[in-house]
């Protein structure tokens, strides 16, 4: 595809960071990015071994974006994201063991094994869901920001999405409401150049998505998503704006090194394009920077790799040893409080089972 936005990648203008990251911060960024990289590679392998069911979407190539964005949030802030969520869950501080166990559908998982790859939820870490419906998180995140505003709290909502989500109605409705009501929310578009297999240029009349905020008099910015320092700096500005009651649209231009999901062979990319993409891989790029700036030695970089690989392997072992959820718990978390006439009928069971009917005397 000769017009592919990724093949002819033009990164946003590189604004200097407001505060230069020191060696310790860069090292932490690298460690976090390496954790995501090795975790996602391990998840991809488990999926091909049929250990993970359903769909599985990976953050491979987007590690710098994830790390930079999550660095801007306080523990008391909220995150809504889409189905490409594993790295976000890890960087919100959720134990890798629990994240991997959820991918495996096990009881020790983030959502007790019933959510899987796309539907993690952890109130303790204020991750209020990964959403499988494209754009499904937008109205809910906007509503959460309204609740914060209504209660006059010093909290912010960050809502991440893919570039394709910017074309649905809920995107425009949510931004409009947020701007009108001055809600404390940051909308983040991870623009990896492709909505599944369609380029942004072929799907959007305005491929620079951050410009759409101007229709709602909303502040916005576009940032190079391959540099965690630049992303962290832009995210900090966006979050600070939202905390002052001025919602923000942040577009993070990143890459997707694999197909849309693990089962996508990405045949819409040529071998030349794949090789071209590898030049922008943020993980080895940061590793080279750490060595070049004499922050770490090559041996120290390799040691971090080994340590994070071991964490991913340990998470995989933990997930495999975790128990399968009992079918009786299938409906346990449908509602936050009891609901009258809540159906707990399993597939294949009759709609009106005799055992479920009240005895005549019980209804008197």
Protein backbone atom coordinates (compact mmCIF):
# COMPACT_ATOMS: atom_id res chain seq x y z
CA UNK A 1 0.00 0.00 0.00
CA UNK A 2 2.05 2.89 -1.30
CA UNK A 3 0.04 5.58 0.51
CA UNK A 4 0.38 3.93 3.90
CA UNK A 5 0.93 6.56 6.57
CA UNK A 6 3.31 4.25 8.40
CA UNK A 7 5.51 3.55 5.37
CA UNK A 8 6.02 7.27 4.85
CA UNK A 9 6.14 8.08 8.51
CA UNK A 10 6.41 11.75 9.31
CA UNK A 11 6.73 12.26 13.02
CA UNK A 12 5.21 15.33 14.66
CA UNK A 13 7.49 18.25 15.36
CA UNK A 14 9.61 17.30 18.35
CA UNK A 15 8.89 19.88 21.02
CA UNK A 16 11.62 20.03 23.66
CA UNK A 17 10.60 18.46 26.92
CA UNK A 18 9.70 20.93 29.64
CA UNK A 19 11.98 19.03 32.01
CA UNK A 20 14.81 16.88 30.72
CA UNK A 21 14.52 13.32 31.98
CA UNK A 22 17.44 12.22 34.10
CA UNK A 23 19.21 8.90 33.86
CA UNK A 24 17.13 7.27 36.56
CA UNK A 25 13.89 8.29 34.85
CA UNK A 26 15.05 7.06 31.45
CA UNK A 27 16.13 3.78 33.01
CA UNK A 28 12.71 3.35 34.60
CA UNK A 29 11.03 4.09 31.28
CA UNK A 30 13.18 1.45 29.63
CA UNK A 31 12.43 -1.15 32.30
CA UNK A 32 8.69 -0.50 32.03
CA UNK A 33 8.82 -0.67 28.24
CA UNK A 34 10.76 -3.92 28.39
CA UNK A 35 8.21 -5.42 30.77
CA UNK A 36 5.43 -4.63 28.31
CA UNK A 37 7.47 -5.96 25.38
CA UNK A 38 8.31 -9.30 26.99
CA UNK A 39 4.85 -9.68 28.52
CA UNK A 40 3.18 -9.15 25.15
CA UNK A 41 5.54 -11.50 23.37
CA UNK A 42 4.80 -14.15 25.97
CA UNK A 43 1.08 -13.54 25.56
CA UNK A 44 1.38 -13.91 21.77
CA UNK A 45 3.13 -17.23 22.23
CA UNK A 46 0.49 -18.45 24.69
CA UNK A 47 -2.25 -17.51 22.25
CA UNK A 48 -0.68 -19.60 19.47
CA UNK A 49 -0.48 -22.48 21.97
CA UNK A 50 -4.26 -22.15 22.53
CA UNK A 51 -3.73 -21.20 26.16
CA UNK A 52 -5.51 -17.86 25.66
CA UNK A 53 -8.99 -17.77 24.16
CA UNK A 54 -11.03 -15.05 22.51
CA UNK A 55 -9.26 -12.11 20.91
CA UNK A 56 -5.85 -10.80 21.90
CA UNK A 57 -4.55 -7.35 20.90
CA UNK A 58 -0.99 -6.38 21.78
CA UNK A 59 0.86 -3.14 22.59
CA UNK A 60 3.95 -4.21 20.63
CA UNK A 61 5.47 -1.03 19.18
CA UNK A 62 3.40 1.23 21.43
CA UNK A 63 5.40 0.74 24.62
CA UNK A 64 6.78 4.29 24.73
CA UNK A 65 3.29 5.74 24.33
CA UNK A 66 1.88 3.60 27.14
CA UNK A 67 4.74 4.40 29.53
CA UNK A 68 4.65 8.13 28.83
CA UNK A 69 0.89 8.41 29.24
CA UNK A 70 0.70 6.46 32.47
CA UNK A 71 3.52 8.51 34.02
CA UNK A 72 1.24 11.56 33.99
CA UNK A 73 -1.55 10.04 36.09
CA UNK A 74 -1.85 10.07 39.86
CA UNK A 75 -2.99 6.97 41.71
CA UNK A 76 -6.33 8.71 42.30
CA UNK A 77 -6.94 9.39 38.59
CA UNK A 78 -9.04 7.09 36.42
CA UNK A 79 -8.24 5.26 33.20
CA UNK A 80 -10.64 4.00 30.55
CA UNK A 81 -9.11 2.22 27.58
CA UNK A 82 -9.94 -0.06 24.69
CA UNK A 83 -9.17 -3.71 24.02
CA UNK A 84 -5.43 -3.07 23.45
CA UNK A 85 -4.95 -2.71 27.17
CA UNK A 86 -2.38 -5.10 28.66
CA UNK A 87 0.43 -2.53 28.89
CA UNK A 88 -1.87 0.02 30.50
CA UNK A 89 -2.93 -2.49 33.15
CA UNK A 90 0.71 -3.25 33.94
CA UNK A 91 1.68 0.43 34.16
CA UNK A 92 -1.24 1.22 36.43
CA UNK A 93 0.53 -1.04 38.88
CA UNK A 94 -1.50 -4.23 38.53
CA UNK A 95 0.54 -7.35 39.26
CA UNK A 96 1.71 -8.97 35.97
CA UNK A 97 0.64 -12.32 37.41
CA UNK A 98 -2.97 -11.12 37.69
CA UNK A 99 -2.91 -9.58 34.22
CA UNK A 100 -1.61 -12.78 32.62
CA UNK A 101 -4.04 -14.90 34.62
CA UNK A 102 -6.88 -12.82 33.21
CA UNK A 103 -5.65 -13.48 29.67
CA UNK A 104 -5.76 -17.18 30.53
CA UNK A 105 -9.29 -16.81 31.96
CA UNK A 106 -8.28 -17.94 35.45
CA UNK A 107 -9.72 -17.11 38.88
CA UNK A 108 -6.65 -15.11 39.95
CA UNK A 109 -7.08 -12.74 37.03
CA UNK A 110 -7.92 -9.05 37.23
CA UNK A 111 -11.58 -9.77 36.42
CA UNK A 112 -11.72 -13.22 38.08
CA UNK A 113 -11.10 -14.86 34.70
CA UNK A 114 -14.38 -13.74 33.13
CA UNK A 115 -13.07 -10.68 31.27
CA UNK A 116 -10.14 -12.05 29.30
CA UNK A 117 -7.77 -9.97 27.22
CA UNK A 118 -10.22 -7.21 26.33
CA UNK A 119 -12.19 -6.61 29.52
CA UNK A 120 -9.96 -5.95 32.50
CA UNK A 121 -11.32 -3.93 35.41
CA UNK A 122 -9.59 -3.07 38.68
CA UNK A 123 -11.19 -0.44 40.89
CA UNK A 124 -8.27 -0.48 43.31
CA UNK A 125 -5.96 0.76 40.55
CA UNK A 126 -8.74 2.87 38.99
CA UNK A 127 -8.62 1.02 35.70
CA UNK A 128 -12.30 1.23 34.85
CA UNK A 129 -12.26 -1.17 31.98
CA UNK A 130 -10.96 -2.22 28.67
CA UNK A 131 -13.79 -2.10 26.14
CA UNK A 132 -14.26 -4.40 23.18
CA UNK A 133 -16.82 -2.19 21.44
CA UNK A 134 -15.01 0.48 19.44
CA UNK A 135 -15.68 3.76 21.24
CA UNK A 136 -17.70 2.10 23.99
CA UNK A 137 -15.45 3.66 26.62
CA UNK A 138 -15.96 7.26 25.48
CA UNK A 139 -19.43 8.03 26.91
CA UNK A 140 -18.61 6.15 30.12
CA UNK A 141 -15.33 8.02 30.62
CA UNK A 142 -17.11 11.30 29.96
CA UNK A 143 -19.74 10.35 32.52
CA UNK A 144 -17.03 9.55 35.07
CA UNK A 145 -15.52 12.99 34.47
CA UNK A 146 -18.96 14.52 35.03
CA UNK A 147 -19.24 12.65 38.35
CA UNK A 148 -15.84 14.01 39.41
CA UNK A 149 -16.90 17.51 38.42
CA UNK A 150 -20.24 17.16 40.23
CA UNK A 151 -18.45 16.13 43.43
CA UNK A 152 -15.81 18.86 43.03
CA UNK A 153 -12.94 16.36 43.32
CA UNK A 154 -9.31 16.86 42.30
CA UNK A 155 -9.22 13.86 39.96
CA UNK A 156 -8.83 13.39 36.21
CA UNK A 157 -10.07 10.80 33.72
CA UNK A 158 -7.85 9.62 30.87
CA UNK A 159 -9.63 7.86 28.02
CA UNK A 160 -7.46 6.19 25.39
CA UNK A 161 -8.60 4.93 22.00
CA UNK A 162 -7.33 3.97 18.56
CA UNK A 163 -7.38 6.26 15.53
CA UNK A 164 -10.42 4.51 14.05
CA UNK A 165 -12.51 5.49 17.08
CA UNK A 166 -12.22 9.16 16.14
CA UNK A 167 -14.64 8.49 13.24
CA UNK A 168 -17.61 7.36 15.32
CA UNK A 169 -20.41 9.52 16.66
CA UNK A 170 -19.61 8.99 20.34
CA UNK A 171 -16.21 10.64 19.81
CA UNK A 172 -17.77 13.92 18.71
CA UNK A 173 -20.62 13.77 21.20
CA UNK A 174 -18.26 13.13 24.10
CA UNK A 175 -15.83 15.91 23.15
CA UNK A 176 -18.70 18.34 22.72
CA UNK A 177 -20.19 17.57 26.14
CA UNK A 178 -16.76 17.68 27.82
CA UNK A 179 -16.02 21.10 26.33
CA UNK A 180 -19.46 22.50 27.17
CA UNK A 181 -19.33 21.34 30.77
CA UNK A 182 -15.57 21.83 31.29
CA UNK A 183 -15.00 18.25 32.40
CA UNK A 184 -11.68 16.98 33.81
CA UNK A 185 -10.88 14.51 31.04
CA UNK A 186 -8.05 13.82 28.60
CA UNK A 187 -9.00 12.02 25.40
CA UNK A 188 -5.99 10.21 23.94
CA UNK A 189 -5.92 8.92 20.37
CA UNK A 190 -3.16 6.37 19.75
CA UNK A 191 -2.63 6.88 16.04
CA UNK A 192 -0.69 3.89 14.74
CA UNK A 193 -1.59 4.67 11.15
CA UNK A 194 -4.06 1.83 10.74
CA UNK A 195 -7.65 1.21 11.77
CA UNK A 196 -7.39 -2.58 11.59
CA UNK A 197 -6.10 -2.76 7.97
CA UNK A 198 -7.23 0.63 6.63
CA UNK A 199 -4.86 3.58 6.66
CA UNK A 200 -5.88 6.75 8.46
CA UNK A 201 -5.55 8.70 5.20
CA UNK A 202 -8.20 6.47 3.58
CA UNK A 203 -10.57 6.61 6.57
CA UNK A 204 -10.33 10.21 7.72
CA UNK A 205 -10.74 13.42 5.72
CA UNK A 206 -8.50 15.04 8.38
CA UNK A 207 -5.73 12.55 9.15
CA UNK A 208 -4.19 14.81 11.81
CA UNK A 209 -6.77 13.85 14.39
CA UNK A 210 -5.80 16.36 17.07
CA UNK A 211 -7.11 19.13 14.79
CA UNK A 212 -10.67 17.88 15.35
CA UNK A 213 -10.63 19.39 18.83
CA UNK A 214 -10.86 22.85 17.27
CA UNK A 215 -14.51 22.14 16.42
CA UNK A 216 -15.19 22.15 20.16
CA UNK A 217 -12.80 24.94 21.20
CA UNK A 218 -10.77 22.27 23.00
CA UNK A 219 -7.03 22.38 23.54
CA UNK A 220 -5.12 19.69 21.68
CA UNK A 221 -1.66 18.51 20.72
CA UNK A 222 0.09 15.95 18.56
CA UNK A 223 3.19 14.19 19.87
CA UNK A 224 5.71 11.64 18.66
CA UNK A 225 4.71 8.43 20.44
CA UNK A 226 8.06 6.70 19.98
CA UNK A 227 9.80 8.82 22.62
CA UNK A 228 8.55 8.21 26.18
CA UNK A 229 9.98 11.52 27.39
CA UNK A 230 8.05 13.54 24.82
CA UNK A 231 4.87 11.56 25.49
CA UNK A 232 5.24 11.99 29.26
CA UNK A 233 5.75 15.72 28.86
CA UNK A 234 2.73 16.13 26.54
CA UNK A 235 0.59 13.94 28.80
CA UNK A 236 1.57 16.03 31.82
CA UNK A 237 0.41 19.18 30.03
CA UNK A 238 -2.85 17.53 29.01
CA UNK A 239 -3.58 16.20 32.50
CA UNK A 240 -2.75 19.56 34.10
CA UNK A 241 -5.19 21.23 31.71
CA UNK A 242 -7.95 18.73 32.50
CA UNK A 243 -7.38 19.11 36.23
CA UNK A 244 -8.13 22.82 35.79
CA UNK A 245 -11.43 22.02 34.09
CA UNK A 246 -10.18 22.35 30.52
CA UNK A 247 -10.55 19.01 28.67
CA UNK A 248 -7.81 18.05 26.25
CA UNK A 249 -7.37 15.94 23.09
CA UNK A 250 -3.93 14.38 22.76
CA UNK A 251 -2.92 12.51 19.60
CA UNK A 252 0.02 10.15 20.07
CA UNK A 253 1.59 9.03 16.78
CA UNK A 254 2.94 5.55 17.31
CA UNK A 255 3.48 2.27 15.46
CA UNK A 256 1.91 -1.16 15.55
CA UNK A 257 4.61 -3.73 14.90
CA UNK A 258 2.20 -6.66 14.49
CA UNK A 259 -1.24 -7.19 13.03
CA UNK A 260 -4.40 -5.76 14.52
CA UNK A 261 -4.67 -8.83 16.74
CA UNK A 262 -2.55 -11.94 17.23
CA UNK A 263 -4.48 -13.78 14.50
CA UNK A 264 -4.05 -10.96 11.95
CA UNK A 265 -1.20 -11.85 9.51
CA UNK A 266 -1.05 -8.18 8.38
CA UNK A 267 -0.83 -9.07 4.70
CA UNK A 268 -1.72 -5.47 3.91
CA UNK A 269 1.93 -4.67 4.69
CA UNK A 270 4.80 -5.44 2.37
CA UNK A 271 8.09 -6.94 3.52
CA UNK A 272 9.74 -3.58 2.80
CA UNK A 273 7.27 -1.80 5.04
CA UNK A 274 7.79 -4.27 7.87
CA UNK A 275 11.54 -3.72 7.64
CA UNK A 276 10.96 0.04 7.59
CA UNK A 277 8.80 -0.14 10.71
CA UNK A 278 11.53 -2.01 12.59
CA UNK A 279 13.72 1.09 12.34
CA UNK A 280 11.27 2.93 14.60
CA UNK A 281 10.98 0.25 17.29
CA UNK A 282 10.96 2.32 20.50
CA UNK A 283 12.47 -0.34 22.77
CA UNK A 284 15.87 -0.84 21.09
CA UNK A 285 15.90 2.88 20.26
CA UNK A 286 15.78 3.77 23.95
CA UNK A 287 18.29 1.05 24.78
CA UNK A 288 20.73 2.56 22.28
CA UNK A 289 20.15 6.01 23.78
CA UNK A 290 20.89 4.78 27.28
CA UNK A 291 24.20 3.30 26.14
CA UNK A 292 25.12 6.29 23.94
CA UNK A 293 24.51 8.76 26.77
CA UNK A 294 26.48 6.50 29.12
CA UNK A 295 23.53 6.12 31.48
CA UNK A 296 23.80 2.31 31.31
CA UNK A 297 26.30 -0.11 29.90
CA UNK A 298 25.31 -2.71 27.32
CA UNK A 299 25.58 -5.33 30.05
CA UNK A 300 23.20 -3.39 32.31
CA UNK A 301 20.70 -3.00 29.46
CA UNK A 302 20.89 -6.74 28.85
CA UNK A 303 20.36 -7.44 32.55
CA UNK A 304 17.12 -5.41 32.56
CA UNK A 305 15.98 -7.43 29.57
CA UNK A 306 16.70 -10.67 31.40
CA UNK A 307 14.91 -9.51 34.56
CA UNK A 308 11.76 -8.40 32.73
CA UNK A 309 11.77 -11.56 30.62
CA UNK A 310 11.86 -13.53 33.88
CA UNK A 311 8.87 -11.53 35.19
CA UNK A 312 6.88 -12.31 32.05
CA UNK A 313 7.79 -16.00 32.28
CA UNK A 314 6.83 -16.04 35.96
CA UNK A 315 3.48 -14.44 35.13
CA UNK A 316 2.89 -17.12 32.52
CA UNK A 317 3.71 -19.88 35.01
CA UNK A 318 1.41 -18.29 37.59
CA UNK A 319 -1.43 -18.08 35.08
CA UNK A 320 -1.07 -21.72 34.07
CA UNK A 321 -1.17 -22.82 37.72
CA UNK A 322 -4.26 -20.74 38.52
CA UNK A 323 -7.61 -22.52 38.67
CA UNK A 324 -10.38 -22.23 36.11
CA UNK A 325 -13.42 -20.26 37.37
CA UNK A 326 -16.40 -22.36 38.35
CA UNK A 327 -19.34 -22.01 35.98
CA UNK A 328 -21.56 -21.10 38.94
CA UNK A 329 -19.75 -17.74 39.19
CA UNK A 330 -20.56 -16.75 35.59
CA UNK A 331 -23.18 -14.18 36.59
CA UNK A 332 -21.65 -12.98 39.86
CA UNK A 333 -20.55 -9.57 38.60
CA UNK A 334 -23.32 -8.68 36.17
CA UNK A 335 -24.70 -6.06 38.55
CA UNK A 336 -23.19 -4.11 41.42
CA UNK A 337 -26.28 -4.74 43.57
CA UNK A 338 -28.96 -7.46 43.46
CA UNK A 339 -31.49 -7.09 40.64
CA UNK A 340 -34.95 -8.63 40.69
CA UNK A 341 -35.54 -11.41 38.14
CA UNK A 342 -31.83 -11.51 37.23
CA UNK A 343 -31.55 -14.42 34.80
CA UNK A 344 -28.81 -16.92 35.53
CA UNK A 345 -29.80 -19.36 32.82
CA UNK A 346 -26.82 -21.10 31.25
CA UNK A 347 -26.56 -21.82 27.52
CA UNK A 348 -28.70 -24.84 26.62
CA UNK A 349 -30.95 -24.60 29.65
CA UNK A 350 -34.72 -24.15 29.04
CA UNK A 351 -36.04 -20.62 29.28
CA UNK A 352 -38.66 -21.59 31.85
CA UNK A 353 -37.21 -24.42 33.91
CA UNK A 354 -39.70 -26.16 36.17
CA UNK A 355 -37.32 -25.89 39.11
CA UNK A 356 -37.19 -22.12 38.71
CA UNK A 357 -40.99 -21.69 39.11
CA UNK A 358 -42.14 -20.78 42.63
CA UNK A 359 -44.30 -23.34 44.42
CA UNK A 360 -48.01 -22.34 44.55
CA UNK A 361 -47.96 -21.75 48.29
CA UNK A 362 -44.82 -19.67 48.03
CA UNK A 363 -46.57 -17.17 45.77
CA UNK A 364 -49.56 -16.65 48.10
